[in-house]
Amino acid sequence: MSKIGNHIINLQEIPVLMDCPECSGKGEVEVDVPRPQSFSRDVGYIDTRWEVCEECLGNGEVYKPCSGCGETLTLWDGKDVQTCRECREGT
């Protein structure tokens, strides 16, 4: 196949990435950890710790979904668009 044909196929297959909405692109989220009352502590309290984000698995990026159908957008659709070609054309 020609170079242009290969380039077009790559644009149709490479997904667009965006910052993870769960961790804001950090890759980690702060979670609450309850510390109960015990013999050495007279009151319980809520502590926090950082864990790997389950949404992006610590990468900080997720695939950008189409706002219409939820399918993953590709570079063929464009980096700044919100809907895929099928949703825009109504097919």
N, C-alpha and C. Protein backbone atom coordinates (compact mmCIF):
# COMPACT_ATOMS: atom_id res chain seq x y z
N MET A 1 0.85 -1.17 0.00
CA MET A 1 0.00 0.00 0.00
C MET A 1 0.89 1.23 0.00
N SER A 2 0.37 2.34 -0.48
CA SER A 2 1.15 3.57 -0.56
C SER A 2 1.32 4.20 0.82
N LYS A 3 2.21 5.16 0.92
CA LYS A 3 2.44 5.84 2.19
C LYS A 3 1.20 6.60 2.64
N ILE A 4 0.50 7.20 1.71
CA ILE A 4 -0.71 7.94 2.06
C ILE A 4 -1.79 6.98 2.55
N GLY A 5 -1.93 5.84 1.90
CA GLY A 5 -2.90 4.84 2.34
C GLY A 5 -2.60 4.34 3.73
N ASN A 6 -1.32 4.08 4.01
CA ASN A 6 -0.92 3.65 5.36
C ASN A 6 -1.20 4.74 6.39
N HIS A 7 -0.95 5.98 6.02
CA HIS A 7 -1.19 7.10 6.94
C HIS A 7 -2.68 7.22 7.26
N ILE A 8 -3.53 7.08 6.26
CA ILE A 8 -4.98 7.15 6.49
C ILE A 8 -5.45 6.02 7.39
N ILE A 9 -4.94 4.83 7.18
CA ILE A 9 -5.31 3.69 8.03
C ILE A 9 -4.86 3.94 9.46
N ASN A 10 -3.66 4.50 9.65
CA ASN A 10 -3.19 4.81 11.00
C ASN A 10 -4.08 5.85 11.67
N LEU A 11 -4.51 6.86 10.93
CA LEU A 11 -5.40 7.87 11.50
C LEU A 11 -6.72 7.27 11.95
N GLN A 12 -7.20 6.25 11.25
CA GLN A 12 -8.47 5.62 11.59
C GLN A 12 -8.34 4.68 12.78
N GLU A 13 -7.12 4.26 13.11
CA GLU A 13 -6.94 3.27 14.17
C GLU A 13 -6.36 3.82 15.47
N ILE A 14 -5.64 4.94 15.43
CA ILE A 14 -4.99 5.47 16.63
C ILE A 14 -6.01 6.25 17.46
N PRO A 15 -6.26 5.84 18.70
CA PRO A 15 -7.25 6.54 19.53
C PRO A 15 -6.71 7.86 20.06
N VAL A 16 -7.61 8.80 20.28
CA VAL A 16 -7.27 10.10 20.87
C VAL A 16 -7.28 9.93 22.39
N LEU A 17 -6.25 10.44 23.05
CA LEU A 17 -6.16 10.36 24.51
C LEU A 17 -6.51 11.70 25.13
N MET A 18 -7.07 11.65 26.33
CA MET A 18 -7.36 12.86 27.10
C MET A 18 -6.99 12.61 28.55
N ASP A 19 -6.88 13.68 29.34
CA ASP A 19 -6.59 13.52 30.77
C ASP A 19 -7.72 12.76 31.44
N CYS A 20 -7.36 11.89 32.34
CA CYS A 20 -8.34 11.09 33.06
C CYS A 20 -9.22 12.01 33.91
N PRO A 21 -10.55 11.90 33.78
CA PRO A 21 -11.43 12.77 34.58
C PRO A 21 -11.44 12.40 36.07
N GLU A 22 -11.07 11.18 36.40
CA GLU A 22 -11.09 10.73 37.80
C GLU A 22 -9.93 11.34 38.60
N CYS A 23 -8.73 11.35 38.01
CA CYS A 23 -7.54 11.81 38.73
C CYS A 23 -6.96 13.10 38.16
N SER A 24 -7.60 13.67 37.17
CA SER A 24 -7.15 14.91 36.51
C SER A 24 -5.76 14.77 35.89
N GLY A 25 -5.43 13.56 35.44
CA GLY A 25 -4.17 13.33 34.76
C GLY A 25 -2.99 13.04 35.67
N LYS A 26 -3.21 12.92 36.97
CA LYS A 26 -2.12 12.66 37.92
C LYS A 26 -1.75 11.18 38.00
N GLY A 27 -2.71 10.30 37.76
CA GLY A 27 -2.46 8.87 37.86
C GLY A 27 -2.71 8.30 39.24
N GLU A 28 -2.98 9.17 40.21
CA GLU A 28 -3.26 8.75 41.57
C GLU A 28 -4.47 9.50 42.11
N VAL A 29 -5.19 8.84 43.00
CA VAL A 29 -6.34 9.47 43.66
C VAL A 29 -6.18 9.33 45.18
N GLU A 30 -6.70 10.30 45.88
CA GLU A 30 -6.66 10.27 47.34
C GLU A 30 -7.92 9.57 47.84
N VAL A 31 -7.75 8.55 48.67
CA VAL A 31 -8.89 7.80 49.19
C VAL A 31 -8.93 7.91 50.72
N ASP A 32 -10.13 7.81 51.25
CA ASP A 32 -10.31 7.86 52.70
C ASP A 32 -10.08 6.47 53.29
N VAL A 33 -9.40 6.45 54.42
CA VAL A 33 -9.14 5.21 55.14
C VAL A 33 -9.62 5.39 56.58
N PRO A 34 -10.70 4.71 56.95
CA PRO A 34 -11.19 4.87 58.32
C PRO A 34 -10.26 4.18 59.32
N ARG A 35 -9.92 4.89 60.37
CA ARG A 35 -9.12 4.35 61.47
C ARG A 35 -10.05 4.23 62.67
N PRO A 36 -10.47 3.01 63.02
CA PRO A 36 -11.47 2.86 64.09
C PRO A 36 -10.87 3.08 65.48
N GLN A 37 -11.77 3.26 66.41
CA GLN A 37 -11.39 3.39 67.81
C GLN A 37 -10.78 2.06 68.26
N SER A 38 -9.78 2.14 69.14
CA SER A 38 -9.15 0.91 69.65
C SER A 38 -8.69 1.16 71.09
N PHE A 39 -7.99 0.19 71.66
CA PHE A 39 -7.52 0.34 73.04
C PHE A 39 -6.44 1.41 73.14
N SER A 40 -5.66 1.60 72.08
CA SER A 40 -4.61 2.61 72.13
C SER A 40 -5.08 3.98 71.65
N ARG A 41 -6.30 4.05 71.10
CA ARG A 41 -6.82 5.32 70.58
C ARG A 41 -8.25 5.47 71.07
N ASP A 42 -8.57 6.63 71.67
CA ASP A 42 -9.89 6.78 72.27
C ASP A 42 -10.98 7.17 71.28
N VAL A 43 -10.63 7.67 70.10
CA VAL A 43 -11.63 8.01 69.08
C VAL A 43 -11.15 7.52 67.72
N GLY A 44 -12.11 7.23 66.86
CA GLY A 44 -11.77 6.88 65.50
C GLY A 44 -11.67 8.13 64.64
N TYR A 45 -11.02 8.01 63.49
CA TYR A 45 -10.91 9.16 62.60
C TYR A 45 -10.74 8.66 61.16
N ILE A 46 -10.89 9.57 60.23
CA ILE A 46 -10.72 9.26 58.81
C ILE A 46 -9.34 9.74 58.37
N ASP A 47 -8.51 8.83 57.92
CA ASP A 47 -7.19 9.14 57.39
C ASP A 47 -7.28 9.09 55.86
N THR A 48 -6.27 9.56 55.18
CA THR A 48 -6.25 9.49 53.71
C THR A 48 -4.93 8.89 53.24
N ARG A 49 -4.97 8.31 52.04
CA ARG A 49 -3.74 7.83 51.41
C ARG A 49 -3.93 7.90 49.89
N TRP A 50 -2.83 7.88 49.16
CA TRP A 50 -2.85 7.94 47.70
C TRP A 50 -2.77 6.54 47.12
N GLU A 51 -3.65 6.26 46.16
CA GLU A 51 -3.65 4.98 45.47
C GLU A 51 -3.66 5.21 43.96
N VAL A 52 -3.27 4.18 43.22
CA VAL A 52 -3.28 4.26 41.77
C VAL A 52 -4.72 4.37 41.29
N CYS A 53 -4.94 5.28 40.35
CA CYS A 53 -6.29 5.49 39.80
C CYS A 53 -6.74 4.25 39.04
N GLU A 54 -7.93 3.75 39.36
CA GLU A 54 -8.46 2.55 38.71
C GLU A 54 -8.96 2.84 37.29
N GLU A 55 -9.34 4.08 37.03
CA GLU A 55 -9.88 4.45 35.72
C GLU A 55 -8.79 4.41 34.64
N CYS A 56 -7.62 5.00 34.94
CA CYS A 56 -6.55 5.07 33.94
C CYS A 56 -5.38 4.13 34.27
N LEU A 57 -5.47 3.39 35.35
CA LEU A 57 -4.42 2.46 35.79
C LEU A 57 -3.09 3.16 36.01
N GLY A 58 -3.12 4.41 36.44
CA GLY A 58 -1.91 5.16 36.76
C GLY A 58 -1.27 5.88 35.60
N ASN A 59 -1.84 5.77 34.40
CA ASN A 59 -1.27 6.44 33.24
C ASN A 59 -1.61 7.92 33.19
N GLY A 60 -2.73 8.33 33.76
CA GLY A 60 -3.16 9.71 33.73
C GLY A 60 -3.94 10.06 32.48
N GLU A 61 -4.08 9.12 31.53
CA GLU A 61 -4.81 9.37 30.30
C GLU A 61 -5.76 8.23 30.00
N VAL A 62 -6.88 8.57 29.40
CA VAL A 62 -7.87 7.58 28.96
C VAL A 62 -8.25 7.89 27.52
N TYR A 63 -8.89 6.93 26.85
CA TYR A 63 -9.36 7.16 25.49
C TYR A 63 -10.53 8.13 25.52
N LYS A 64 -10.54 9.06 24.59
CA LYS A 64 -11.59 10.07 24.52
C LYS A 64 -12.84 9.45 23.89
N PRO A 65 -13.97 9.44 24.60
CA PRO A 65 -15.21 8.84 24.06
C PRO A 65 -16.01 9.86 23.25
N CYS A 66 -16.78 9.36 22.32
CA CYS A 66 -17.72 10.18 21.55
C CYS A 66 -18.86 10.57 22.49
N SER A 67 -19.28 11.84 22.44
CA SER A 67 -20.36 12.28 23.33
C SER A 67 -21.72 11.75 22.87
N GLY A 68 -21.81 11.28 21.62
CA GLY A 68 -23.08 10.75 21.12
C GLY A 68 -23.27 9.27 21.39
N CYS A 69 -22.30 8.47 20.94
CA CYS A 69 -22.47 7.01 21.03
C CYS A 69 -21.55 6.36 22.06
N GLY A 70 -20.51 7.06 22.52
CA GLY A 70 -19.61 6.50 23.52
C GLY A 70 -18.43 5.73 22.95
N GLU A 71 -18.38 5.57 21.63
CA GLU A 71 -17.25 4.88 21.01
C GLU A 71 -15.99 5.73 21.15
N THR A 72 -14.82 5.10 21.11
CA THR A 72 -13.56 5.80 21.21
C THR A 72 -13.29 6.61 19.95
N LEU A 73 -12.94 7.90 20.14
CA LEU A 73 -12.60 8.75 19.01
C LEU A 73 -11.18 8.43 18.54
N THR A 74 -10.94 8.56 17.24
CA THR A 74 -9.62 8.31 16.67
C THR A 74 -9.08 9.59 16.06
N LEU A 75 -7.80 9.58 15.69
CA LEU A 75 -7.20 10.75 15.07
C LEU A 75 -7.90 11.10 13.76
N TRP A 76 -8.54 10.15 13.12
CA TRP A 76 -9.30 10.40 11.90
C TRP A 76 -10.43 11.38 12.17
N ASP A 77 -11.04 11.29 13.35
CA ASP A 77 -12.11 12.21 13.73
C ASP A 77 -11.56 13.59 14.08
N GLY A 78 -10.33 13.65 14.55
CA GLY A 78 -9.71 14.90 14.97
C GLY A 78 -9.51 14.91 16.48
N LYS A 79 -8.52 15.69 16.93
CA LYS A 79 -8.22 15.73 18.37
C LYS A 79 -9.22 16.57 19.16
N ASP A 80 -9.80 17.59 18.53
CA ASP A 80 -10.63 18.54 19.25
C ASP A 80 -12.13 18.30 19.13
N VAL A 81 -12.55 17.31 18.34
CA VAL A 81 -13.98 17.08 18.16
C VAL A 81 -14.55 16.31 19.36
N GLN A 82 -15.86 16.43 19.57
CA GLN A 82 -16.53 15.76 20.68
C GLN A 82 -17.34 14.55 20.22
N THR A 83 -17.69 14.50 18.92
CA THR A 83 -18.49 13.39 18.40
C THR A 83 -17.78 12.75 17.22
N CYS A 84 -18.07 11.48 16.99
CA CYS A 84 -17.45 10.76 15.88
C CYS A 84 -18.14 11.14 14.56
N ARG A 85 -17.54 10.72 13.48
CA ARG A 85 -18.04 11.05 12.15
C ARG A 85 -19.46 10.50 11.93
N GLU A 86 -19.72 9.30 12.42
CA GLU A 86 -21.05 8.69 12.25
C GLU A 86 -22.13 9.49 12.97
N CYS A 87 -21.84 9.96 14.18
CA CYS A 87 -22.83 10.74 14.93
C CYS A 87 -23.05 12.12 14.29
N ARG A 88 -21.98 12.72 13.77
CA ARG A 88 -22.13 14.03 13.12
C ARG A 88 -22.96 13.92 11.84
N GLU A 89 -22.77 12.82 11.09
CA GLU A 89 -23.49 12.65 9.83
C GLU A 89 -24.87 12.06 10.05
N GLY A 90 -25.15 11.52 11.22
CA GLY A 90 -26.46 10.99 11.55
C GLY A 90 -26.76 9.64 10.93
N THR A 91 -25.70 8.84 10.66
CA THR A 91 -25.93 7.50 10.07
C THR A 91 -25.87 6.44 11.12
